[in-house]
Amino acid sequence: MITEPADGGSGADEYLARLPIGERPPLPVDGAQTWDIFPFEGELQVRTLAAPERPEPPRHGEEGPETCRECARPDSEFLWTDEHWRLGTTESPSGLPAVVLLWPRAHHDLFDLPAEQAAQLGPLLQRVERALRTLDGVARVHVNRWGDGAAHLHLWLIARPEGLLQLRGSTLSLWMDVLPPLPERMWAANAHRIAAVMAADGGTAHV
């Protein structure tokens, strides 16, 4: 059982003080580079750990919807939309069968997403996963949320091809950039399929 320290906790400064700022941390002997799903091989080294920036620079759209490019995009630029949500894809094909992003229509991050929309999120993620899995040769769909670049909540849903076991797990997003991109024709056909399946259960397809 973990109990709170008597002094109330170590704090951020104490955490940072123990890090090797300005140095290269050692490459762990059993780290990700040893996994059979890691996409790179050869001699690797950890980057020098940069000093922290505090306060952090603002993310895109941090000042509100009037500064947010996602809020300004018309529905026609998305695959599918409804009253509260919009589903889009990357600007160009990746090396995977499908990569889509789910945004709330209104300008929210996860921590301030209204309760009603938060309750919609789980079932909606299921709908999007089911749509991606109607594509030929998709074995799994990975759901990711990072949120360090933009303040408008966006969740990535990434299709993993069936049989490519090296692409399993947490390195799938790295393989996404390594593999040769899909032909435009195949990418567009997959996008159309996803939009149509989503619209069959409500909302509007835009491709």
C-alpha atoms as a PDB file:
ATOM      1  CA  MET A   1       0.000   0.000   0.000  1.00  0.00           C
ATOM      2  CA  ILE A   2       1.328   3.442  -0.952  1.00  0.00           C
ATOM      3  CA  THR A   3       1.025   6.072   1.743  1.00  0.00           C
ATOM      4  CA  GLU A   4       1.548   9.822   1.362  1.00  0.00           C
ATOM      5  CA  PRO A   5       4.913  11.082   2.622  1.00  0.00           C
ATOM      6  CA  ALA A   6       4.823  13.069   5.838  1.00  0.00           C
ATOM      7  CA  ASP A   7       5.958  16.218   4.012  1.00  0.00           C
ATOM      8  CA  GLY A   8       2.992  15.984   1.598  1.00  0.00           C
ATOM      9  CA  GLY A   9       4.940  14.809  -1.465  1.00  0.00           C
ATOM     10  CA  SER A  10       8.143  15.504  -3.352  1.00  0.00           C
ATOM     11  CA  GLY A  11       6.884  18.147  -5.798  1.00  0.00           C
ATOM     12  CA  ALA A  12       7.845  18.993  -9.363  1.00  0.00           C
ATOM     13  CA  ASP A  13      11.160  20.644  -8.522  1.00  0.00           C
ATOM     14  CA  GLU A  14      12.412  17.591  -6.673  1.00  0.00           C
ATOM     15  CA  TYR A  15      11.373  15.390  -9.586  1.00  0.00           C
ATOM     16  CA  LEU A  16      13.288  17.551 -12.073  1.00  0.00           C
ATOM     17  CA  ALA A  17      16.348  17.804  -9.818  1.00  0.00           C
ATOM     18  CA  ARG A  18      16.997  14.085 -10.118  1.00  0.00           C
ATOM     19  CA  LEU A  19      16.951  14.042 -13.930  1.00  0.00           C
ATOM     20  CA  PRO A  20      20.170  14.144 -16.025  1.00  0.00           C
ATOM     21  CA  ILE A  21      19.348  17.472 -17.706  1.00  0.00           C
ATOM     22  CA  GLY A  22      21.902  18.297 -20.427  1.00  0.00           C
ATOM     23  CA  GLU A  23      23.143  14.702 -20.608  1.00  0.00           C
ATOM     24  CA  ARG A  24      22.302  11.629 -22.643  1.00  0.00           C
ATOM     25  CA  PRO A  25      20.454   9.115 -20.467  1.00  0.00           C
ATOM     26  CA  PRO A  26      21.811   5.592 -20.965  1.00  0.00           C
ATOM     27  CA  LEU A  27      19.977   3.319 -23.369  1.00  0.00           C
ATOM     28  CA  PRO A  28      18.259   0.683 -21.179  1.00  0.00           C
ATOM     29  CA  VAL A  29      19.455  -2.838 -21.929  1.00  0.00           C
ATOM     30  CA  ASP A  30      15.878  -4.131 -22.135  1.00  0.00           C
ATOM     31  CA  GLY A  31      14.217  -0.994 -23.524  1.00  0.00           C
ATOM     32  CA  ALA A  32      11.926  -0.562 -26.515  1.00  0.00           C
ATOM     33  CA  GLN A  33      14.823  -0.947 -28.960  1.00  0.00           C
ATOM     34  CA  THR A  34      14.999  -4.649 -27.992  1.00  0.00           C
ATOM     35  CA  TRP A  35      11.342  -5.360 -28.774  1.00  0.00           C
ATOM     36  CA  ASP A  36      10.515  -7.261 -31.949  1.00  0.00           C
ATOM     37  CA  ILE A  37       7.890  -4.565 -32.693  1.00  0.00           C
ATOM     38  CA  PHE A  38      10.441  -1.705 -32.675  1.00  0.00           C
ATOM     39  CA  PRO A  39      10.802  -0.443 -36.278  1.00  0.00           C
ATOM     40  CA  PHE A  40      14.477   0.573 -36.165  1.00  0.00           C
ATOM     41  CA  GLU A  41      17.738  -1.299 -35.674  1.00  0.00           C
ATOM     42  CA  GLY A  42      21.405  -0.550 -35.577  1.00  0.00           C
ATOM     43  CA  GLU A  43      23.312   1.689 -33.191  1.00  0.00           C
ATOM     44  CA  LEU A  44      20.978   3.983 -31.270  1.00  0.00           C
ATOM     45  CA  GLN A  45      21.507   6.575 -28.585  1.00  0.00           C
ATOM     46  CA  VAL A  46      19.135   8.526 -26.398  1.00  0.00           C
ATOM     47  CA  ARG A  47      18.845  12.236 -27.178  1.00  0.00           C
ATOM     48  CA  THR A  48      20.322  14.730 -24.751  1.00  0.00           C
ATOM     49  CA  LEU A  49      17.654  15.619 -22.190  1.00  0.00           C
ATOM     50  CA  ALA A  50      16.793  19.289 -22.656  1.00  0.00           C
ATOM     51  CA  ALA A  51      16.084  21.637 -19.775  1.00  0.00           C
ATOM     52  CA  PRO A  52      12.397  22.063 -18.920  1.00  0.00           C
ATOM     53  CA  GLU A  53      10.478  25.051 -20.280  1.00  0.00           C
ATOM     54  CA  ARG A  54       8.218  26.453 -17.583  1.00  0.00           C
ATOM     55  CA  PRO A  55       5.716  27.776 -18.217  1.00  0.00           C
ATOM     56  CA  GLU A  56       5.244  25.650 -21.302  1.00  0.00           C
ATOM     57  CA  PRO A  57       4.567  27.413 -24.609  1.00  0.00           C
ATOM     58  CA  PRO A  58       0.842  27.487 -25.418  1.00  0.00           C
ATOM     59  CA  ARG A  59      -0.596  24.777 -27.622  1.00  0.00           C
ATOM     60  CA  HIS A  60      -2.385  25.677 -30.826  1.00  0.00           C
ATOM     61  CA  GLY A  61      -5.866  26.949 -29.959  1.00  0.00           C
ATOM     62  CA  GLU A  62      -5.034  27.442 -26.287  1.00  0.00           C
ATOM     63  CA  GLU A  63      -6.519  30.957 -26.348  1.00  0.00           C
ATOM     64  CA  GLY A  64      -9.937  29.687 -27.424  1.00  0.00           C
ATOM     65  CA  PRO A  65     -12.000  28.722 -30.463  1.00  0.00           C
ATOM     66  CA  GLU A  66     -11.290  31.993 -32.291  1.00  0.00           C
ATOM     67  CA  THR A  67      -7.624  30.899 -32.640  1.00  0.00           C
ATOM     68  CA  CYS A  68      -8.335  27.225 -33.393  1.00  0.00           C
ATOM     69  CA  ARG A  69      -7.948  25.961 -36.957  1.00  0.00           C
ATOM     70  CA  GLU A  70     -10.039  22.864 -36.204  1.00  0.00           C
ATOM     71  CA  CYS A  71     -12.998  25.014 -35.160  1.00  0.00           C
ATOM     72  CA  ALA A  72     -12.657  27.019 -38.389  1.00  0.00           C
ATOM     73  CA  ARG A  73     -12.713  24.010 -40.726  1.00  0.00           C
ATOM     74  CA  PRO A  74     -15.992  23.423 -42.615  1.00  0.00           C
ATOM     75  CA  ASP A  75     -17.754  20.074 -42.300  1.00  0.00           C
ATOM     76  CA  SER A  76     -16.901  19.357 -45.934  1.00  0.00           C
ATOM     77  CA  GLU A  77     -13.258  18.783 -44.930  1.00  0.00           C
ATOM     78  CA  PHE A  78     -14.214  15.868 -42.666  1.00  0.00           C
ATOM     79  CA  LEU A  79     -15.218  12.292 -43.438  1.00  0.00           C
ATOM     80  CA  TRP A  80     -18.303  12.331 -41.212  1.00  0.00           C
ATOM     81  CA  THR A  81     -20.012  14.728 -38.820  1.00  0.00           C
ATOM     82  CA  ASP A  82     -23.020  14.967 -36.553  1.00  0.00           C
ATOM     83  CA  GLU A  83     -24.342  17.587 -34.162  1.00  0.00           C
ATOM     84  CA  HIS A  84     -21.545  17.132 -31.620  1.00  0.00           C
ATOM     85  CA  TRP A  85     -18.633  15.283 -33.303  1.00  0.00           C
ATOM     86  CA  ARG A  86     -16.485  15.335 -36.433  1.00  0.00           C
ATOM     87  CA  LEU A  87     -14.346  12.536 -37.854  1.00  0.00           C
ATOM     88  CA  GLY A  88     -11.478  13.317 -40.200  1.00  0.00           C
ATOM     89  CA  THR A  89      -8.305  11.799 -41.549  1.00  0.00           C
ATOM     90  CA  THR A  90      -4.739  12.843 -42.236  1.00  0.00           C
ATOM     91  CA  GLU A  91      -3.947  15.312 -45.019  1.00  0.00           C
ATOM     92  CA  SER A  92      -2.228  12.620 -47.078  1.00  0.00           C
ATOM     93  CA  PRO A  93      -2.043   8.810 -47.057  1.00  0.00           C
ATOM     94  CA  SER A  94       0.039   7.013 -44.458  1.00  0.00           C
ATOM     95  CA  GLY A  95       1.492   3.517 -44.610  1.00  0.00           C
ATOM     96  CA  LEU A  96      -1.501   2.009 -42.782  1.00  0.00           C
ATOM     97  CA  PRO A  97      -4.985   1.083 -44.070  1.00  0.00           C
ATOM     98  CA  ALA A  98      -6.634   3.946 -42.173  1.00  0.00           C
ATOM     99  CA  VAL A  99      -5.749   6.675 -39.694  1.00  0.00           C
ATOM    100  CA  VAL A 100      -8.639   8.838 -38.489  1.00  0.00           C
ATOM    101  CA  LEU A 101      -9.070  11.544 -35.877  1.00  0.00           C
ATOM    102  CA  LEU A 102     -12.171  12.224 -33.802  1.00  0.00           C
ATOM    103  CA  TRP A 103     -12.872  15.783 -32.629  1.00  0.00           C
ATOM    104  CA  PRO A 104     -15.727  17.265 -30.594  1.00  0.00           C
ATOM    105  CA  ARG A 105     -17.386  19.953 -32.678  1.00  0.00           C
ATOM    106  CA  ALA A 106     -17.165  22.483 -29.829  1.00  0.00           C
ATOM    107  CA  HIS A 107     -13.771  23.669 -28.573  1.00  0.00           C
ATOM    108  CA  HIS A 108     -13.024  21.435 -25.586  1.00  0.00           C
ATOM    109  CA  ASP A 109     -10.147  19.413 -24.226  1.00  0.00           C
ATOM    110  CA  LEU A 110     -10.726  16.127 -22.414  1.00  0.00           C
ATOM    111  CA  PHE A 111     -10.689  17.646 -18.942  1.00  0.00           C
ATOM    112  CA  ASP A 112     -13.475  20.147 -19.737  1.00  0.00           C
ATOM    113  CA  LEU A 113     -15.556  18.051 -22.114  1.00  0.00           C
ATOM    114  CA  PRO A 114     -19.200  18.456 -21.025  1.00  0.00           C
ATOM    115  CA  ALA A 115     -20.610  15.433 -19.210  1.00  0.00           C
ATOM    116  CA  GLU A 116     -23.149  14.716 -21.947  1.00  0.00           C
ATOM    117  CA  GLN A 117     -20.460  14.513 -24.617  1.00  0.00           C
ATOM    118  CA  ALA A 118     -18.124  12.566 -22.351  1.00  0.00           C
ATOM    119  CA  ALA A 119     -20.885   9.978 -22.023  1.00  0.00           C
ATOM    120  CA  GLN A 120     -21.151   9.830 -25.832  1.00  0.00           C
ATOM    121  CA  LEU A 121     -17.430   9.284 -26.298  1.00  0.00           C
ATOM    122  CA  GLY A 122     -17.213   5.593 -25.407  1.00  0.00           C
ATOM    123  CA  PRO A 123     -20.040   4.444 -27.707  1.00  0.00           C
ATOM    124  CA  LEU A 124     -18.742   6.721 -30.471  1.00  0.00           C
ATOM    125  CA  LEU A 125     -15.241   5.244 -30.268  1.00  0.00           C
ATOM    126  CA  GLN A 126     -16.855   1.823 -30.620  1.00  0.00           C
ATOM    127  CA  ARG A 127     -18.669   3.019 -33.754  1.00  0.00           C
ATOM    128  CA  VAL A 128     -15.479   4.358 -35.294  1.00  0.00           C
ATOM    129  CA  GLU A 129     -13.569   1.163 -34.500  1.00  0.00           C
ATOM    130  CA  ARG A 130     -16.312  -0.936 -36.070  1.00  0.00           C
ATOM    131  CA  ALA A 131     -16.181   1.259 -39.184  1.00  0.00           C
ATOM    132  CA  LEU A 132     -12.405   0.831 -39.517  1.00  0.00           C
ATOM    133  CA  ARG A 133     -12.682  -2.910 -39.026  1.00  0.00           C
ATOM    134  CA  THR A 134     -14.988  -3.208 -42.028  1.00  0.00           C
ATOM    135  CA  LEU A 135     -11.934  -2.503 -44.191  1.00  0.00           C
ATOM    136  CA  ASP A 136     -10.282  -5.568 -45.674  1.00  0.00           C
ATOM    137  CA  GLY A 137      -7.278  -6.809 -43.745  1.00  0.00           C
ATOM    138  CA  VAL A 138      -7.642  -4.779 -40.543  1.00  0.00           C
ATOM    139  CA  ALA A 139      -6.922  -6.805 -37.404  1.00  0.00           C
ATOM    140  CA  ARG A 140      -6.975  -4.207 -34.618  1.00  0.00           C
ATOM    141  CA  VAL A 141      -7.672  -0.522 -34.073  1.00  0.00           C
ATOM    142  CA  HIS A 142      -5.442   1.422 -31.675  1.00  0.00           C
ATOM    143  CA  VAL A 143      -6.874   4.470 -29.876  1.00  0.00           C
ATOM    144  CA  ASN A 144      -4.446   7.224 -28.883  1.00  0.00           C
ATOM    145  CA  ARG A 145      -4.699  10.645 -27.313  1.00  0.00           C
ATOM    146  CA  TRP A 146      -1.619  12.828 -26.853  1.00  0.00           C
ATOM    147  CA  GLY A 147      -2.812  16.437 -26.843  1.00  0.00           C
ATOM    148  CA  ASP A 148       0.553  18.214 -26.613  1.00  0.00           C
ATOM    149  CA  GLY A 149       0.252  20.038 -29.927  1.00  0.00           C
ATOM    150  CA  ALA A 150      -3.329  21.318 -29.957  1.00  0.00           C
ATOM    151  CA  ALA A 151      -5.791  22.342 -27.257  1.00  0.00           C
ATOM    152  CA  HIS A 152      -8.826  21.050 -29.207  1.00  0.00           C
ATOM    153  CA  LEU A 153      -9.400  17.440 -28.108  1.00  0.00           C
ATOM    154  CA  HIS A 154      -8.548  14.922 -30.817  1.00  0.00           C
ATOM    155  CA  LEU A 155      -8.297  11.170 -30.554  1.00  0.00           C
ATOM    156  CA  TRP A 156      -6.374   9.087 -33.072  1.00  0.00           C
ATOM    157  CA  LEU A 157      -7.759   5.743 -34.238  1.00  0.00           C
ATOM    158  CA  ILE A 158      -5.131   3.783 -36.139  1.00  0.00           C
ATOM    159  CA  ALA A 159      -5.835   0.570 -38.061  1.00  0.00           C
ATOM    160  CA  ARG A 160      -3.280  -2.224 -37.719  1.00  0.00           C
ATOM    161  CA  PRO A 161      -3.017  -4.544 -40.733  1.00  0.00           C
ATOM    162  CA  GLU A 162      -3.806  -8.211 -40.160  1.00  0.00           C
ATOM    163  CA  GLY A 163      -0.810 -10.522 -39.971  1.00  0.00           C
ATOM    164  CA  LEU A 164       1.867  -7.827 -39.586  1.00  0.00           C
ATOM    165  CA  LEU A 165       2.842  -8.795 -36.077  1.00  0.00           C
ATOM    166  CA  GLN A 166       5.784  -6.395 -35.999  1.00  0.00           C
ATOM    167  CA  LEU A 167       3.206  -3.596 -36.002  1.00  0.00           C
ATOM    168  CA  ARG A 168       1.546  -4.713 -32.777  1.00  0.00           C
ATOM    169  CA  GLY A 169       1.544  -2.563 -29.670  1.00  0.00           C
ATOM    170  CA  SER A 170       2.751   0.896 -28.814  1.00  0.00           C
ATOM    171  CA  THR A 171       5.080   1.387 -31.798  1.00  0.00           C
ATOM    172  CA  LEU A 172       2.288   1.304 -34.414  1.00  0.00           C
ATOM    173  CA  SER A 173       2.361   5.086 -34.761  1.00  0.00           C
ATOM    174  CA  LEU A 174       6.087   4.870 -35.629  1.00  0.00           C
ATOM    175  CA  TRP A 175       5.461   2.274 -38.330  1.00  0.00           C
ATOM    176  CA  MET A 176       2.777   4.593 -39.723  1.00  0.00           C
ATOM    177  CA  ASP A 177       5.528   6.919 -40.975  1.00  0.00           C
ATOM    178  CA  VAL A 178       7.980   4.169 -41.992  1.00  0.00           C
ATOM    179  CA  LEU A 179       5.835   2.068 -44.339  1.00  0.00           C
ATOM    180  CA  PRO A 180       5.207   3.206 -47.946  1.00  0.00           C
ATOM    181  CA  PRO A 181       2.047   5.319 -48.131  1.00  0.00           C
ATOM    182  CA  LEU A 182      -1.150   3.904 -49.603  1.00  0.00           C
ATOM    183  CA  PRO A 183      -1.962   4.791 -53.205  1.00  0.00           C
ATOM    184  CA  GLU A 184      -4.346   7.756 -53.317  1.00  0.00           C
ATOM    185  CA  ARG A 185      -7.047   5.563 -54.877  1.00  0.00           C
ATOM    186  CA  MET A 186      -6.966   3.037 -52.028  1.00  0.00           C
ATOM    187  CA  TRP A 187      -6.777   5.770 -49.387  1.00  0.00           C
ATOM    188  CA  ALA A 188      -9.821   7.536 -50.837  1.00  0.00           C
ATOM    189  CA  ALA A 189     -11.792   4.288 -51.115  1.00  0.00           C
ATOM    190  CA  ASN A 190     -11.106   3.427 -47.480  1.00  0.00           C
ATOM    191  CA  ALA A 191     -12.126   6.923 -46.383  1.00  0.00           C
ATOM    192  CA  HIS A 192     -15.385   6.602 -48.334  1.00  0.00           C
ATOM    193  CA  ARG A 193     -16.098   3.236 -46.723  1.00  0.00           C
ATOM    194  CA  ILE A 194     -15.499   4.566 -43.196  1.00  0.00           C
ATOM    195  CA  ALA A 195     -17.731   7.597 -43.782  1.00  0.00           C
ATOM    196  CA  ALA A 196     -20.538   5.474 -45.218  1.00  0.00           C
ATOM    197  CA  VAL A 197     -20.500   3.020 -42.310  1.00  0.00           C
ATOM    198  CA  MET A 198     -20.544   5.867 -39.806  1.00  0.00           C
ATOM    199  CA  ALA A 199     -23.451   7.589 -41.570  1.00  0.00           C
ATOM    200  CA  ALA A 200     -25.476   4.371 -41.593  1.00  0.00           C
ATOM    201  CA  ASP A 201     -25.934   4.845 -37.835  1.00  0.00           C
ATOM    202  CA  GLY A 202     -26.579   8.603 -37.999  1.00  0.00           C
ATOM    203  CA  GLY A 203     -24.784  11.771 -38.966  1.00  0.00           C
ATOM    204  CA  THR A 204     -23.584  12.831 -42.413  1.00  0.00           C
ATOM    205  CA  ALA A 205     -20.891  11.409 -44.679  1.00  0.00           C
ATOM    206  CA  HIS A 206     -18.913  14.036 -46.616  1.00  0.00           C
ATOM    207  CA  VAL A 207     -16.870  11.829 -48.974  1.00  0.00           C
END
